[in-house]
C-alpha atoms as a PDB file:
ATOM      1  CA  UNK A   1      90.671  91.979  98.544  1.00  0.00           C
ATOM      2  CA  UNK A   2      89.913  92.402  94.755  1.00  0.00           C
ATOM      3  CA  UNK A   3      91.149  96.145  94.494  1.00  0.00           C
ATOM      4  CA  UNK A   4      94.745  96.175  93.577  1.00  0.00           C
ATOM      5  CA  UNK A   5      96.460  99.382  93.044  1.00  0.00           C
ATOM      6  CA  UNK A   6      99.206  98.816  90.389  1.00  0.00           C
ATOM      7  CA  UNK A   7     100.266 102.477  90.803  1.00  0.00           C
ATOM      8  CA  UNK A   8     101.738 102.059  94.269  1.00  0.00           C
ATOM      9  CA  UNK A   9     103.659 105.256  95.427  1.00  0.00           C
ATOM     10  CA  UNK A  10     103.297 106.951  92.290  1.00  0.00           C
ATOM     11  CA  UNK A  11     103.845 110.793  92.332  1.00  0.00           C
ATOM     12  CA  UNK A  12     100.898 112.941  91.990  1.00  0.00           C
ATOM     13  CA  UNK A  13     100.693 114.668  88.275  1.00  0.00           C
ATOM     14  CA  UNK A  14      99.258 118.222  88.121  1.00  0.00           C
ATOM     15  CA  UNK A  15      96.064 116.922  86.138  1.00  0.00           C
ATOM     16  CA  UNK A  16      95.363 114.440  88.983  1.00  0.00           C
ATOM     17  CA  UNK A  17      95.894 117.282  91.603  1.00  0.00           C
ATOM     18  CA  UNK A  18      93.319 119.532  89.769  1.00  0.00           C
ATOM     19  CA  UNK A  19      90.788 116.821  89.629  1.00  0.00           C
ATOM     20  CA  UNK A  20      91.276 116.195  93.288  1.00  0.00           C
ATOM     21  CA  UNK A  21      90.701 119.780  94.002  1.00  0.00           C
ATOM     22  CA  UNK A  22      87.563 120.042  91.725  1.00  0.00           C
ATOM     23  CA  UNK A  23      86.060 116.718  93.102  1.00  0.00           C
ATOM     24  CA  UNK A  24      86.678 117.839  96.691  1.00  0.00           C
ATOM     25  CA  UNK A  25      85.184 121.188  96.159  1.00  0.00           C
ATOM     26  CA  UNK A  26      82.026 119.478  94.767  1.00  0.00           C
ATOM     27  CA  UNK A  27      81.718 117.620  98.075  1.00  0.00           C
ATOM     28  CA  UNK A  28      82.360 114.146  97.004  1.00  0.00           C
ATOM     29  CA  UNK A  29      83.344 111.279  99.211  1.00  0.00           C
ATOM     30  CA  UNK A  30      86.734 110.059  99.762  1.00  0.00           C
ATOM     31  CA  UNK A  31      85.929 106.576  98.295  1.00  0.00           C
ATOM     32  CA  UNK A  32      84.237 108.241  95.223  1.00  0.00           C
ATOM     33  CA  UNK A  33      87.466 110.444  94.551  1.00  0.00           C
ATOM     34  CA  UNK A  34      89.726 107.681  95.173  1.00  0.00           C
ATOM     35  CA  UNK A  35      87.854 105.484  92.444  1.00  0.00           C
ATOM     36  CA  UNK A  36      87.753 108.548  89.934  1.00  0.00           C
ATOM     37  CA  UNK A  37      91.489 109.060  90.484  1.00  0.00           C
ATOM     38  CA  UNK A  38      92.254 105.306  90.496  1.00  0.00           C
ATOM     39  CA  UNK A  39      94.138 105.782  93.820  1.00  0.00           C
ATOM     40  CA  UNK A  40      93.656 104.416  97.253  1.00  0.00           C
ATOM     41  CA  UNK A  41      91.574 106.123  99.963  1.00  0.00           C
ATOM     42  CA  UNK A  42      94.555 106.530 102.102  1.00  0.00           C
ATOM     43  CA  UNK A  43      96.358 108.287  99.275  1.00  0.00           C
ATOM     44  CA  UNK A  44      93.645 110.526  98.550  1.00  0.00           C
ATOM     45  CA  UNK A  45      93.292 111.399 102.272  1.00  0.00           C
ATOM     46  CA  UNK A  46      96.908 111.998 102.591  1.00  0.00           C
ATOM     47  CA  UNK A  47      97.212 114.329  99.649  1.00  0.00           C
ATOM     48  CA  UNK A  48      94.008 116.269 100.519  1.00  0.00           C
ATOM     49  CA  UNK A  49      95.509 116.876 104.048  1.00  0.00           C
ATOM     50  CA  UNK A  50      98.960 118.122 102.400  1.00  0.00           C
ATOM     51  CA  UNK A  51      96.783 120.430 100.260  1.00  0.00           C
ATOM     52  CA  UNK A  52      94.649 121.600 103.133  1.00  0.00           C
ATOM     53  CA  UNK A  53      91.470 120.340 101.425  1.00  0.00           C
ATOM     54  CA  UNK A  54      88.200 119.251 103.330  1.00  0.00           C
ATOM     55  CA  UNK A  55      86.889 116.112 102.001  1.00  0.00           C
ATOM     56  CA  UNK A  56      83.503 114.653 102.936  1.00  0.00           C
ATOM     57  CA  UNK A  57      83.704 111.490 105.075  1.00  0.00           C
ATOM     58  CA  UNK A  58      80.626 109.856 103.562  1.00  0.00           C
ATOM     59  CA  UNK A  59      80.995 106.134 102.701  1.00  0.00           C
END
């Protein structure tokens, strides 16, 4: 796989959380949000679940 996440297991910063909430509210897909935040899809899904966000499951 060519996608490498150098930020493995890095804590979420407040600006990243705000962006996550904003993008989820716009109805963006998990993949698009992950790319925008430079995080894995799993990381985005896990954080959204913790925060009680609904994210579109579009691919």
